[in-house]
Amino acid sequence: MTHQLKSRRSLLAGVAGLVGIGALAGRASAASLTPAASEGPFYPTPAMRTPDIDNDLVKIRGLVEKAGGEVFTLRGALTNAAGQPLAGYRIEIWQCDVDGNYMHPADRRSARFDRAFQGFGHDITDDSGTYSFRTIKPTVYPGRTPHIHVKIFKGDREVLTTQFYIKDHPDNARDGLFRRMSRAEADTVSMAFVEGENGLEATVDVVV
């Protein structure tokens, strides 16, 4: 075999290797995207929300009492698949109260909704893509494992709708939406609670 032929084959092998690595990297990036999930029937329209829709769901302006439930801080960072932070995005969350009631008239039990709980709130990601909420640990809603609904917008464009779950909760294995995800996907939207400087907290990073 001539030296020229060897060099050509080495070059082709190198190119093939780079293509293979690129394909694997592409698959890895795609796999790292936060999985989408159903919006569910109880997304509160603007008319249903309290006037206070900030990122602290356990304290409504003008009310003395605080929401029932175990309070924690939910935080994380929003990035694209390349790991670049996404600033100025609106992140919304909504969830049932401590007794499993949604702030939505379509929920037949909404009349008993905890009026000290916002049920819905939003935050805007900062320059480093970070967001945070003060809310309560999600509780069981009939037929579902505990979860928090999440929507992400860039301006008026909806980028992602998903749900966050409690890591290793026993009801996860019986939840139809949770079971549709792979183990890797479930890990990206699972909240592991730890004791922080200001109480209980969980971190969920989101990739879109």
N, C-alpha and C. Protein backbone atom coordinates (compact mmCIF):
# COMPACT_ATOMS: atom_id res chain seq x y z
N MET A 1 0.86 -1.20 0.00
CA MET A 1 0.00 0.00 0.00
C MET A 1 0.89 1.24 0.00
N THR A 2 0.61 2.17 -0.86
CA THR A 2 1.45 3.35 -0.95
C THR A 2 1.21 4.28 0.22
N HIS A 3 2.17 5.12 0.48
CA HIS A 3 2.06 6.10 1.55
C HIS A 3 0.87 7.03 1.33
N GLN A 4 0.64 7.38 0.02
CA GLN A 4 -0.47 8.30 -0.31
C GLN A 4 -1.82 7.65 0.01
N LEU A 5 -1.95 6.34 -0.29
CA LEU A 5 -3.19 5.63 -0.02
C LEU A 5 -3.43 5.52 1.47
N LYS A 6 -2.35 5.23 2.21
CA LYS A 6 -2.47 5.16 3.67
C LYS A 6 -2.93 6.49 4.25
N SER A 7 -2.36 7.56 3.74
CA SER A 7 -2.72 8.89 4.26
C SER A 7 -4.18 9.20 3.98
N ARG A 8 -4.63 8.79 2.73
CA ARG A 8 -6.03 9.05 2.36
C ARG A 8 -6.98 8.27 3.27
N ARG A 9 -6.64 6.99 3.54
CA ARG A 9 -7.49 6.18 4.41
C ARG A 9 -7.50 6.72 5.84
N SER A 10 -6.37 7.19 6.29
CA SER A 10 -6.29 7.78 7.64
C SER A 10 -7.17 9.02 7.73
N LEU A 11 -7.14 9.82 6.65
CA LEU A 11 -7.95 11.04 6.62
C LEU A 11 -9.44 10.69 6.65
N LEU A 12 -9.83 9.70 5.82
CA LEU A 12 -11.24 9.30 5.78
C LEU A 12 -11.68 8.73 7.12
N ALA A 13 -10.82 7.97 7.76
CA ALA A 13 -11.15 7.41 9.07
C ALA A 13 -11.33 8.51 10.10
N GLY A 14 -10.46 9.53 9.99
CA GLY A 14 -10.56 10.64 10.93
C GLY A 14 -11.85 11.41 10.75
N VAL A 15 -12.23 11.64 9.47
CA VAL A 15 -13.48 12.34 9.18
C VAL A 15 -14.66 11.53 9.69
N ALA A 16 -14.64 10.22 9.45
CA ALA A 16 -15.73 9.36 9.91
C ALA A 16 -15.84 9.40 11.43
N GLY A 17 -14.68 9.44 12.07
CA GLY A 17 -14.70 9.50 13.54
C GLY A 17 -15.32 10.79 14.03
N LEU A 18 -14.97 11.89 13.36
CA LEU A 18 -15.53 13.18 13.76
C LEU A 18 -17.03 13.23 13.52
N VAL A 19 -17.47 12.64 12.39
CA VAL A 19 -18.91 12.59 12.10
C VAL A 19 -19.62 11.78 13.17
N GLY A 20 -19.01 10.66 13.55
CA GLY A 20 -19.62 9.82 14.59
C GLY A 20 -19.71 10.55 15.91
N ILE A 21 -18.63 11.25 16.27
CA ILE A 21 -18.64 12.02 17.53
C ILE A 21 -19.70 13.11 17.46
N GLY A 22 -19.80 13.78 16.28
CA GLY A 22 -20.80 14.84 16.13
C GLY A 22 -22.21 14.30 16.27
N ALA A 23 -22.45 13.12 15.70
CA ALA A 23 -23.78 12.52 15.81
C ALA A 23 -24.11 12.17 17.24
N LEU A 24 -23.11 11.61 17.94
CA LEU A 24 -23.33 11.28 19.35
C LEU A 24 -23.60 12.52 20.17
N ALA A 25 -22.83 13.59 19.88
CA ALA A 25 -23.03 14.84 20.61
C ALA A 25 -24.41 15.39 20.35
N GLY A 26 -24.86 15.29 19.06
CA GLY A 26 -26.20 15.77 18.73
C GLY A 26 -27.26 15.01 19.49
N ARG A 27 -27.10 13.68 19.57
CA ARG A 27 -28.07 12.88 20.31
C ARG A 27 -28.03 13.21 21.78
N ALA A 28 -26.82 13.46 22.30
CA ALA A 28 -26.70 13.79 23.73
C ALA A 28 -27.40 15.11 24.03
N SER A 29 -27.24 16.10 23.10
CA SER A 29 -27.89 17.38 23.32
C SER A 29 -29.40 17.23 23.30
N ALA A 30 -29.89 16.44 22.32
CA ALA A 30 -31.32 16.25 22.22
C ALA A 30 -31.86 15.55 23.45
N ALA A 31 -31.09 14.59 23.95
CA ALA A 31 -31.54 13.84 25.12
C ALA A 31 -31.57 14.72 26.36
N SER A 32 -30.76 15.79 26.36
CA SER A 32 -30.68 16.63 27.55
C SER A 32 -31.81 17.64 27.62
N LEU A 33 -32.58 17.78 26.54
CA LEU A 33 -33.68 18.73 26.56
C LEU A 33 -34.72 18.31 27.60
N THR A 34 -35.27 19.29 28.30
CA THR A 34 -36.32 19.00 29.28
C THR A 34 -37.55 18.47 28.56
N PRO A 35 -38.08 17.33 28.99
CA PRO A 35 -39.24 16.75 28.28
C PRO A 35 -40.50 17.58 28.46
N ALA A 36 -41.27 17.66 27.40
CA ALA A 36 -42.57 18.36 27.47
C ALA A 36 -43.59 17.46 28.14
N ALA A 37 -44.65 18.08 28.66
CA ALA A 37 -45.73 17.32 29.30
C ALA A 37 -47.04 18.06 29.09
N SER A 38 -48.13 17.38 29.38
CA SER A 38 -49.46 17.94 29.20
C SER A 38 -49.67 19.18 30.07
N GLU A 39 -50.40 20.15 29.52
CA GLU A 39 -50.77 21.34 30.29
C GLU A 39 -51.76 20.98 31.40
N GLY A 40 -52.60 19.99 31.15
CA GLY A 40 -53.63 19.65 32.12
C GLY A 40 -54.84 20.56 31.98
N PRO A 41 -55.92 20.24 32.66
CA PRO A 41 -57.17 20.98 32.47
C PRO A 41 -57.31 22.24 33.32
N PHE A 42 -56.35 22.52 34.20
CA PHE A 42 -56.57 23.58 35.18
C PHE A 42 -55.56 24.73 35.09
N TYR A 43 -55.10 25.03 33.88
CA TYR A 43 -54.24 26.20 33.71
C TYR A 43 -55.08 27.45 33.96
N PRO A 44 -54.72 28.27 34.96
CA PRO A 44 -55.58 29.42 35.29
C PRO A 44 -55.42 30.56 34.30
N THR A 45 -56.51 30.97 33.70
CA THR A 45 -56.48 32.12 32.80
C THR A 45 -56.22 33.38 33.63
N PRO A 46 -55.81 34.48 32.98
CA PRO A 46 -55.56 35.71 33.73
C PRO A 46 -56.73 36.13 34.62
N ALA A 47 -57.96 35.92 34.16
CA ALA A 47 -59.13 36.32 34.95
C ALA A 47 -59.27 35.49 36.23
N MET A 48 -58.71 34.31 36.26
CA MET A 48 -58.82 33.43 37.43
C MET A 48 -57.74 33.69 38.47
N ARG A 49 -56.69 34.38 38.09
CA ARG A 49 -55.53 34.54 38.97
C ARG A 49 -55.76 35.65 39.99
N THR A 50 -55.04 35.56 41.10
CA THR A 50 -55.09 36.65 42.08
C THR A 50 -54.35 37.86 41.51
N PRO A 51 -54.62 39.07 42.02
CA PRO A 51 -53.86 40.23 41.54
C PRO A 51 -52.36 40.08 41.80
N ASP A 52 -52.01 39.30 42.82
CA ASP A 52 -50.61 39.08 43.18
C ASP A 52 -50.15 37.80 42.49
N ILE A 53 -49.36 37.93 41.42
CA ILE A 53 -48.90 36.74 40.69
C ILE A 53 -47.37 36.72 40.63
N ASP A 54 -46.73 37.14 41.72
CA ASP A 54 -45.27 37.14 41.75
C ASP A 54 -44.74 35.72 41.97
N ASN A 55 -43.44 35.60 42.33
CA ASN A 55 -42.85 34.28 42.48
C ASN A 55 -42.92 33.74 43.91
N ASP A 56 -43.66 34.43 44.79
CA ASP A 56 -43.89 33.93 46.15
C ASP A 56 -45.35 33.52 46.26
N LEU A 57 -45.59 32.22 46.14
CA LEU A 57 -46.97 31.72 46.08
C LEU A 57 -47.57 31.51 47.46
N VAL A 58 -46.77 31.61 48.51
CA VAL A 58 -47.29 31.30 49.84
C VAL A 58 -47.70 32.55 50.62
N LYS A 59 -47.55 33.72 50.01
CA LYS A 59 -47.95 34.97 50.68
C LYS A 59 -48.58 35.90 49.66
N ILE A 60 -49.85 36.20 49.86
CA ILE A 60 -50.58 37.10 48.96
C ILE A 60 -50.63 38.49 49.59
N ARG A 61 -50.31 39.48 48.80
CA ARG A 61 -50.34 40.86 49.30
C ARG A 61 -51.70 41.20 49.89
N GLY A 62 -51.70 41.82 51.07
CA GLY A 62 -52.93 42.24 51.70
C GLY A 62 -53.53 41.21 52.64
N LEU A 63 -53.00 39.99 52.64
CA LEU A 63 -53.50 38.96 53.54
C LEU A 63 -52.48 38.69 54.64
N VAL A 64 -52.97 38.50 55.84
CA VAL A 64 -52.08 38.23 56.97
C VAL A 64 -51.65 36.77 56.98
N GLU A 65 -52.60 35.88 56.71
CA GLU A 65 -52.30 34.45 56.79
C GLU A 65 -51.43 33.99 55.63
N LYS A 66 -50.70 32.90 55.88
CA LYS A 66 -49.87 32.28 54.85
C LYS A 66 -50.50 30.96 54.43
N ALA A 67 -50.12 30.52 53.26
CA ALA A 67 -50.70 29.30 52.71
C ALA A 67 -50.35 28.09 53.56
N GLY A 68 -51.26 27.12 53.57
CA GLY A 68 -50.99 25.86 54.23
C GLY A 68 -50.08 25.01 53.37
N GLY A 69 -49.34 24.12 54.02
CA GLY A 69 -48.44 23.25 53.28
C GLY A 69 -47.00 23.43 53.70
N GLU A 70 -46.14 22.56 53.19
CA GLU A 70 -44.71 22.61 53.52
C GLU A 70 -44.01 23.51 52.51
N VAL A 71 -43.53 24.65 52.99
CA VAL A 71 -42.95 25.66 52.12
C VAL A 71 -41.52 25.27 51.72
N PHE A 72 -41.19 25.54 50.46
CA PHE A 72 -39.81 25.34 50.01
C PHE A 72 -39.51 26.33 48.89
N THR A 73 -38.23 26.46 48.57
CA THR A 73 -37.78 27.30 47.48
C THR A 73 -37.43 26.43 46.29
N LEU A 74 -38.07 26.71 45.15
CA LEU A 74 -37.78 26.03 43.90
C LEU A 74 -36.93 26.96 43.06
N ARG A 75 -35.78 26.48 42.65
CA ARG A 75 -34.89 27.33 41.86
C ARG A 75 -34.21 26.50 40.77
N GLY A 76 -33.59 27.20 39.85
CA GLY A 76 -32.85 26.52 38.78
C GLY A 76 -32.38 27.51 37.75
N ALA A 77 -31.85 26.98 36.66
CA ALA A 77 -31.36 27.82 35.57
C ALA A 77 -31.99 27.35 34.27
N LEU A 78 -32.28 28.30 33.40
CA LEU A 78 -32.82 28.02 32.07
C LEU A 78 -31.71 28.22 31.05
N THR A 79 -31.42 27.19 30.27
CA THR A 79 -30.37 27.28 29.25
C THR A 79 -30.86 26.63 27.96
N ASN A 80 -30.08 26.86 26.89
CA ASN A 80 -30.33 26.12 25.66
C ASN A 80 -29.48 24.86 25.67
N ALA A 81 -29.57 24.06 24.60
CA ALA A 81 -28.88 22.77 24.57
C ALA A 81 -27.36 22.93 24.62
N ALA A 82 -26.86 24.10 24.24
CA ALA A 82 -25.42 24.35 24.29
C ALA A 82 -24.96 24.82 25.66
N GLY A 83 -25.90 24.96 26.60
CA GLY A 83 -25.54 25.39 27.94
C GLY A 83 -25.51 26.89 28.14
N GLN A 84 -25.97 27.64 27.14
CA GLN A 84 -25.97 29.09 27.26
C GLN A 84 -27.19 29.56 28.05
N PRO A 85 -27.00 30.45 29.03
CA PRO A 85 -28.14 30.92 29.83
C PRO A 85 -29.11 31.74 28.99
N LEU A 86 -30.39 31.59 29.32
CA LEU A 86 -31.44 32.31 28.59
C LEU A 86 -32.06 33.33 29.53
N ALA A 87 -31.77 34.60 29.28
CA ALA A 87 -32.25 35.68 30.13
C ALA A 87 -33.56 36.25 29.58
N GLY A 88 -34.39 36.80 30.48
CA GLY A 88 -35.60 37.49 30.08
C GLY A 88 -36.75 36.58 29.69
N TYR A 89 -36.66 35.30 30.00
CA TYR A 89 -37.76 34.37 29.73
C TYR A 89 -38.72 34.35 30.92
N ARG A 90 -39.98 34.20 30.64
CA ARG A 90 -41.01 34.14 31.68
C ARG A 90 -41.29 32.68 32.02
N ILE A 91 -41.16 32.35 33.30
CA ILE A 91 -41.47 31.01 33.76
C ILE A 91 -42.69 31.09 34.67
N GLU A 92 -43.72 30.32 34.33
CA GLU A 92 -44.94 30.26 35.13
C GLU A 92 -45.04 28.89 35.78
N ILE A 93 -45.55 28.88 37.02
CA ILE A 93 -45.89 27.60 37.65
C ILE A 93 -47.30 27.70 38.21
N TRP A 94 -47.99 26.57 38.26
CA TRP A 94 -49.29 26.50 38.95
C TRP A 94 -49.44 25.10 39.51
N GLN A 95 -50.20 25.00 40.59
CA GLN A 95 -50.34 23.72 41.28
C GLN A 95 -51.56 23.76 42.20
N CYS A 96 -51.96 22.59 42.68
CA CYS A 96 -53.08 22.55 43.62
C CYS A 96 -52.60 22.96 45.01
N ASP A 97 -53.55 23.29 45.88
CA ASP A 97 -53.20 23.67 47.26
C ASP A 97 -52.89 22.42 48.08
N VAL A 98 -52.65 22.61 49.36
CA VAL A 98 -52.23 21.51 50.22
C VAL A 98 -53.28 20.41 50.31
N ASP A 99 -54.54 20.75 50.06
CA ASP A 99 -55.62 19.76 50.12
C ASP A 99 -55.98 19.18 48.75
N GLY A 100 -55.19 19.51 47.72
CA GLY A 100 -55.43 18.95 46.40
C GLY A 100 -56.47 19.69 45.58
N ASN A 101 -56.75 20.95 45.90
CA ASN A 101 -57.73 21.76 45.16
C ASN A 101 -57.02 22.73 44.23
N TYR A 102 -57.50 22.83 42.98
CA TYR A 102 -56.95 23.80 42.04
C TYR A 102 -57.75 25.09 42.07
N MET A 103 -57.07 26.19 41.77
CA MET A 103 -57.71 27.49 41.66
C MET A 103 -58.30 27.60 40.24
N HIS A 104 -59.34 26.84 39.99
CA HIS A 104 -59.93 26.81 38.65
C HIS A 104 -61.37 26.33 38.79
N PRO A 105 -62.33 27.04 38.19
CA PRO A 105 -63.73 26.67 38.35
C PRO A 105 -64.07 25.29 37.79
N ALA A 106 -63.24 24.76 36.87
CA ALA A 106 -63.49 23.43 36.32
C ALA A 106 -63.17 22.33 37.33
N ASP A 107 -62.41 22.69 38.36
CA ASP A 107 -62.16 21.73 39.44
C ASP A 107 -63.35 21.83 40.40
N ARG A 108 -64.10 20.77 40.49
CA ARG A 108 -65.34 20.80 41.29
C ARG A 108 -65.08 21.11 42.76
N ARG A 109 -63.83 20.93 43.20
CA ARG A 109 -63.52 21.19 44.60
C ARG A 109 -62.90 22.58 44.80
N SER A 110 -62.94 23.43 43.76
CA SER A 110 -62.25 24.71 43.83
C SER A 110 -62.83 25.65 44.88
N ALA A 111 -64.08 25.43 45.28
CA ALA A 111 -64.68 26.29 46.31
C ALA A 111 -63.94 26.19 47.64
N ARG A 112 -63.20 25.09 47.81
CA ARG A 112 -62.46 24.90 49.06
C ARG A 112 -60.98 25.26 48.90
N PHE A 113 -60.65 25.92 47.79
CA PHE A 113 -59.25 26.27 47.54
C PHE A 113 -58.71 27.20 48.62
N ASP A 114 -57.48 26.98 49.06
CA ASP A 114 -56.82 27.78 50.09
C ASP A 114 -56.61 29.20 49.56
N ARG A 115 -57.39 30.15 50.04
CA ARG A 115 -57.34 31.52 49.54
C ARG A 115 -56.07 32.26 49.95
N ALA A 116 -55.27 31.66 50.82
CA ALA A 116 -53.98 32.27 51.17
C ALA A 116 -52.86 31.77 50.27
N PHE A 117 -53.21 30.89 49.33
CA PHE A 117 -52.23 30.34 48.40
C PHE A 117 -52.49 30.92 47.01
N GLN A 118 -51.46 31.43 46.35
CA GLN A 118 -51.65 32.02 45.02
C GLN A 118 -52.09 30.99 43.98
N GLY A 119 -51.56 29.80 44.09
CA GLY A 119 -51.89 28.77 43.13
C GLY A 119 -51.21 28.93 41.78
N PHE A 120 -50.74 30.14 41.50
CA PHE A 120 -50.09 30.48 40.22
C PHE A 120 -49.09 31.60 40.49
N GLY A 121 -47.96 31.56 39.83
CA GLY A 121 -47.00 32.64 39.95
C GLY A 121 -46.04 32.61 38.77
N HIS A 122 -45.23 33.67 38.65
CA HIS A 122 -44.26 33.70 37.56
C HIS A 122 -42.98 34.38 38.02
N ASP A 123 -41.91 34.09 37.28
CA ASP A 123 -40.63 34.76 37.49
C ASP A 123 -40.02 35.00 36.12
N ILE A 124 -39.09 35.96 36.05
CA ILE A 124 -38.37 36.27 34.82
C ILE A 124 -36.91 35.89 35.03
N THR A 125 -36.35 35.10 34.12
CA THR A 125 -34.96 34.67 34.30
C THR A 125 -34.02 35.87 34.20
N ASP A 126 -32.98 35.85 35.05
CA ASP A 126 -32.02 36.95 35.06
C ASP A 126 -30.92 36.69 34.03
N ASP A 127 -29.85 37.50 34.08
CA ASP A 127 -28.79 37.40 33.07
C ASP A 127 -28.11 36.04 33.06
N SER A 128 -28.13 35.34 34.18
CA SER A 128 -27.51 34.01 34.24
C SER A 128 -28.54 32.90 34.00
N GLY A 129 -29.77 33.31 33.61
CA GLY A 129 -30.80 32.33 33.29
C GLY A 129 -31.50 31.75 34.50
N THR A 130 -31.22 32.26 35.69
CA THR A 130 -31.77 31.65 36.89
C THR A 130 -33.19 32.15 37.20
N TYR A 131 -33.94 31.30 37.88
CA TYR A 131 -35.30 31.62 38.32
C TYR A 131 -35.46 31.08 39.73
N SER A 132 -36.48 31.56 40.44
CA SER A 132 -36.78 31.00 41.76
C SER A 132 -38.23 31.26 42.12
N PHE A 133 -38.78 30.35 42.92
CA PHE A 133 -40.14 30.47 43.43
C PHE A 133 -40.14 30.05 44.90
N ARG A 134 -41.05 30.63 45.64
CA ARG A 134 -41.34 30.17 46.99
C ARG A 134 -42.75 29.61 46.94
N THR A 135 -42.87 28.34 47.20
CA THR A 135 -44.17 27.68 47.06
C THR A 135 -44.27 26.54 48.07
N ILE A 136 -45.23 25.63 47.86
CA ILE A 136 -45.37 24.50 48.77
C ILE A 136 -45.04 23.20 48.03
N LYS A 137 -44.61 22.22 48.80
CA LYS A 137 -44.39 20.90 48.23
C LYS A 137 -45.68 20.42 47.58
N PRO A 138 -45.62 19.97 46.35
CA PRO A 138 -46.86 19.51 45.72
C PRO A 138 -47.46 18.32 46.45
N THR A 139 -48.77 18.28 46.49
CA THR A 139 -49.48 17.21 47.18
C THR A 139 -50.27 16.38 46.18
N VAL A 140 -50.82 15.30 46.66
CA VAL A 140 -51.53 14.36 45.78
C VAL A 140 -52.84 14.97 45.30
N TYR A 141 -53.04 14.93 43.99
CA TYR A 141 -54.33 15.25 43.39
C TYR A 141 -54.93 13.93 42.92
N PRO A 142 -56.24 13.71 43.10
CA PRO A 142 -56.82 12.41 42.75
C PRO A 142 -56.42 11.92 41.37
N GLY A 143 -55.81 10.76 41.32
CA GLY A 143 -55.41 10.16 40.06
C GLY A 143 -54.02 10.55 39.57
N ARG A 144 -53.34 11.43 40.29
CA ARG A 144 -52.02 11.88 39.87
C ARG A 144 -51.04 11.80 41.02
N THR A 145 -49.77 11.69 40.65
CA THR A 145 -48.70 11.82 41.63
C THR A 145 -48.49 13.32 41.90
N PRO A 146 -47.93 13.72 43.03
CA PRO A 146 -47.69 15.15 43.27
C PRO A 146 -46.85 15.78 42.16
N HIS A 147 -47.25 16.96 41.72
CA HIS A 147 -46.54 17.59 40.61
C HIS A 147 -46.79 19.09 40.61
N ILE A 148 -45.92 19.81 39.91
CA ILE A 148 -46.06 21.25 39.68
C ILE A 148 -46.05 21.46 38.17
N HIS A 149 -47.03 22.21 37.67
CA HIS A 149 -47.09 22.53 36.25
C HIS A 149 -46.17 23.71 35.94
N VAL A 150 -45.55 23.68 34.77
CA VAL A 150 -44.58 24.71 34.39
C VAL A 150 -44.78 25.10 32.94
N LYS A 151 -44.76 26.41 32.68
CA LYS A 151 -44.76 26.93 31.30
C LYS A 151 -43.62 27.93 31.16
N ILE A 152 -43.01 27.95 29.99
CA ILE A 152 -41.93 28.90 29.72
C ILE A 152 -42.24 29.65 28.44
N PHE A 153 -42.10 30.98 28.51
CA PHE A 153 -42.39 31.84 27.37
C PHE A 153 -41.18 32.70 27.03
N LYS A 154 -40.99 32.93 25.74
CA LYS A 154 -40.09 33.98 25.27
C LYS A 154 -40.98 35.03 24.63
N GLY A 155 -41.20 36.11 25.33
CA GLY A 155 -42.19 37.07 24.87
C GLY A 155 -43.56 36.43 24.92
N ASP A 156 -44.28 36.47 23.80
CA ASP A 156 -45.61 35.85 23.73
C ASP A 156 -45.56 34.41 23.23
N ARG A 157 -44.37 33.94 22.88
CA ARG A 157 -44.25 32.60 22.31
C ARG A 157 -44.01 31.56 23.41
N GLU A 158 -44.86 30.55 23.44
CA GLU A 158 -44.68 29.48 24.41
C GLU A 158 -43.55 28.56 23.95
N VAL A 159 -42.57 28.38 24.82
CA VAL A 159 -41.39 27.59 24.47
C VAL A 159 -41.52 26.14 24.97
N LEU A 160 -42.09 25.98 26.16
CA LEU A 160 -42.17 24.65 26.75
C LEU A 160 -43.29 24.61 27.78
N THR A 161 -44.00 23.49 27.81
CA THR A 161 -44.90 23.18 28.91
C THR A 161 -44.44 21.83 29.47
N THR A 162 -44.25 21.77 30.78
CA THR A 162 -43.77 20.54 31.40
C THR A 162 -44.33 20.42 32.80
N GLN A 163 -43.88 19.42 33.54
CA GLN A 163 -44.29 19.23 34.93
C GLN A 163 -43.08 18.77 35.74
N PHE A 164 -43.01 19.24 36.99
CA PHE A 164 -41.97 18.81 37.92
C PHE A 164 -42.57 17.85 38.94
N TYR A 165 -41.77 16.86 39.34
CA TYR A 165 -42.24 15.81 40.25
C TYR A 165 -41.32 15.70 41.46
N ILE A 166 -41.78 15.01 42.48
CA ILE A 166 -40.96 14.74 43.66
C ILE A 166 -40.13 13.49 43.40
N LYS A 167 -38.85 13.63 43.52
CA LYS A 167 -37.95 12.51 43.26
C LYS A 167 -38.28 11.33 44.17
N ASP A 168 -38.41 10.15 43.58
CA ASP A 168 -38.62 8.89 44.28
C ASP A 168 -39.95 8.82 45.04
N HIS A 169 -40.91 9.67 44.69
CA HIS A 169 -42.20 9.57 45.36
C HIS A 169 -42.86 8.24 44.97
N PRO A 170 -43.45 7.53 45.91
CA PRO A 170 -44.00 6.20 45.60
C PRO A 170 -45.12 6.23 44.56
N ASP A 171 -45.83 7.35 44.42
CA ASP A 171 -46.91 7.41 43.44
C ASP A 171 -46.43 7.64 42.01
N ASN A 172 -45.14 7.98 41.85
CA ASN A 172 -44.62 8.22 40.50
C ASN A 172 -44.81 6.99 39.60
N ALA A 173 -44.58 5.82 40.17
CA ALA A 173 -44.64 4.58 39.38
C ALA A 173 -46.04 4.27 38.89
N ARG A 174 -47.06 4.90 39.51
CA ARG A 174 -48.44 4.66 39.10
C ARG A 174 -49.02 5.80 38.26
N ASP A 175 -48.20 6.81 37.99
CA ASP A 175 -48.68 7.99 37.26
C ASP A 175 -48.43 7.81 35.76
N GLY A 176 -49.50 7.91 34.97
CA GLY A 176 -49.38 7.68 33.54
C GLY A 176 -48.41 8.62 32.84
N LEU A 177 -48.44 9.91 33.17
CA LEU A 177 -47.54 10.86 32.52
C LEU A 177 -46.09 10.63 32.94
N PHE A 178 -45.89 10.34 34.20
CA PHE A 178 -44.53 10.11 34.67
C PHE A 178 -43.94 8.87 34.00
N ARG A 179 -44.74 7.83 33.86
CA ARG A 179 -44.24 6.56 33.32
C ARG A 179 -43.89 6.66 31.83
N ARG A 180 -44.40 7.67 31.14
CA ARG A 180 -44.07 7.83 29.73
C ARG A 180 -42.62 8.27 29.51
N MET A 181 -42.01 8.82 30.53
CA MET A 181 -40.65 9.32 30.40
C MET A 181 -39.63 8.21 30.63
N SER A 182 -38.46 8.37 30.01
CA SER A 182 -37.34 7.49 30.33
C SER A 182 -36.80 7.87 31.70
N ARG A 183 -35.95 7.04 32.25
CA ARG A 183 -35.35 7.34 33.55
C ARG A 183 -34.56 8.64 33.49
N ALA A 184 -33.82 8.81 32.39
CA ALA A 184 -33.02 10.03 32.24
C ALA A 184 -33.92 11.26 32.16
N GLU A 185 -35.01 11.16 31.40
CA GLU A 185 -35.93 12.30 31.29
C GLU A 185 -36.57 12.61 32.64
N ALA A 186 -36.99 11.57 33.36
CA ALA A 186 -37.62 11.78 34.66
C ALA A 186 -36.67 12.47 35.63
N ASP A 187 -35.41 12.12 35.57
CA ASP A 187 -34.43 12.74 36.47
C ASP A 187 -34.32 14.24 36.24
N THR A 188 -34.51 14.68 34.98
CA THR A 188 -34.36 16.11 34.69
C THR A 188 -35.50 16.95 35.25
N VAL A 189 -36.65 16.33 35.55
CA VAL A 189 -37.80 17.08 36.06
C VAL A 189 -38.20 16.62 37.47
N SER A 190 -37.27 16.02 38.17
CA SER A 190 -37.54 15.53 39.52
C SER A 190 -36.89 16.45 40.56
N MET A 191 -37.65 16.78 41.59
CA MET A 191 -37.19 17.67 42.65
C MET A 191 -36.65 16.85 43.83
N ALA A 192 -35.39 17.03 44.13
CA ALA A 192 -34.78 16.41 45.31
C ALA A 192 -34.66 17.50 46.37
N PHE A 193 -35.32 17.33 47.50
CA PHE A 193 -35.37 18.37 48.53
C PHE A 193 -34.19 18.26 49.47
N VAL A 194 -33.56 19.40 49.73
CA VAL A 194 -32.44 19.46 50.67
C VAL A 194 -32.66 20.65 51.61
N GLU A 195 -32.00 20.63 52.73
CA GLU A 195 -32.11 21.74 53.67
C GLU A 195 -31.06 22.79 53.32
N GLY A 196 -31.52 23.99 52.95
CA GLY A 196 -30.62 25.08 52.59
C GLY A 196 -30.51 26.11 53.71
N GLU A 197 -29.87 27.20 53.41
CA GLU A 197 -29.67 28.26 54.41
C GLU A 197 -30.99 28.85 54.87
N ASN A 198 -31.96 28.91 53.96
CA ASN A 198 -33.25 29.53 54.29
C ASN A 198 -34.39 28.51 54.31
N GLY A 199 -34.06 27.26 54.59
CA GLY A 199 -35.09 26.24 54.67
C GLY A 199 -35.00 25.25 53.52
N LEU A 200 -36.06 24.52 53.33
CA LEU A 200 -36.11 23.46 52.32
C LEU A 200 -36.01 24.06 50.91
N GLU A 201 -35.28 23.38 50.05
CA GLU A 201 -35.15 23.87 48.68
C GLU A 201 -34.94 22.70 47.71
N ALA A 202 -35.20 22.97 46.44
CA ALA A 202 -34.98 21.99 45.37
C ALA A 202 -34.56 22.76 44.13
N THR A 203 -33.68 22.13 43.35
CA THR A 203 -33.17 22.76 42.13
C THR A 203 -33.55 21.93 40.91
N VAL A 204 -34.17 22.57 39.94
CA VAL A 204 -34.48 21.92 38.66
C VAL A 204 -34.00 22.85 37.55
N ASP A 205 -32.98 22.44 36.84
CA ASP A 205 -32.51 23.18 35.68
C ASP A 205 -33.32 22.76 34.45
N VAL A 206 -33.61 23.74 33.59
CA VAL A 206 -34.45 23.48 32.43
C VAL A 206 -33.65 23.80 31.16
N VAL A 207 -33.72 22.88 30.20
CA VAL A 207 -33.01 23.04 28.93
C VAL A 207 -34.04 23.05 27.79
N VAL A 208 -34.02 24.12 26.98
CA VAL A 208 -34.98 24.23 25.88
C VAL A 208 -34.25 24.49 24.56
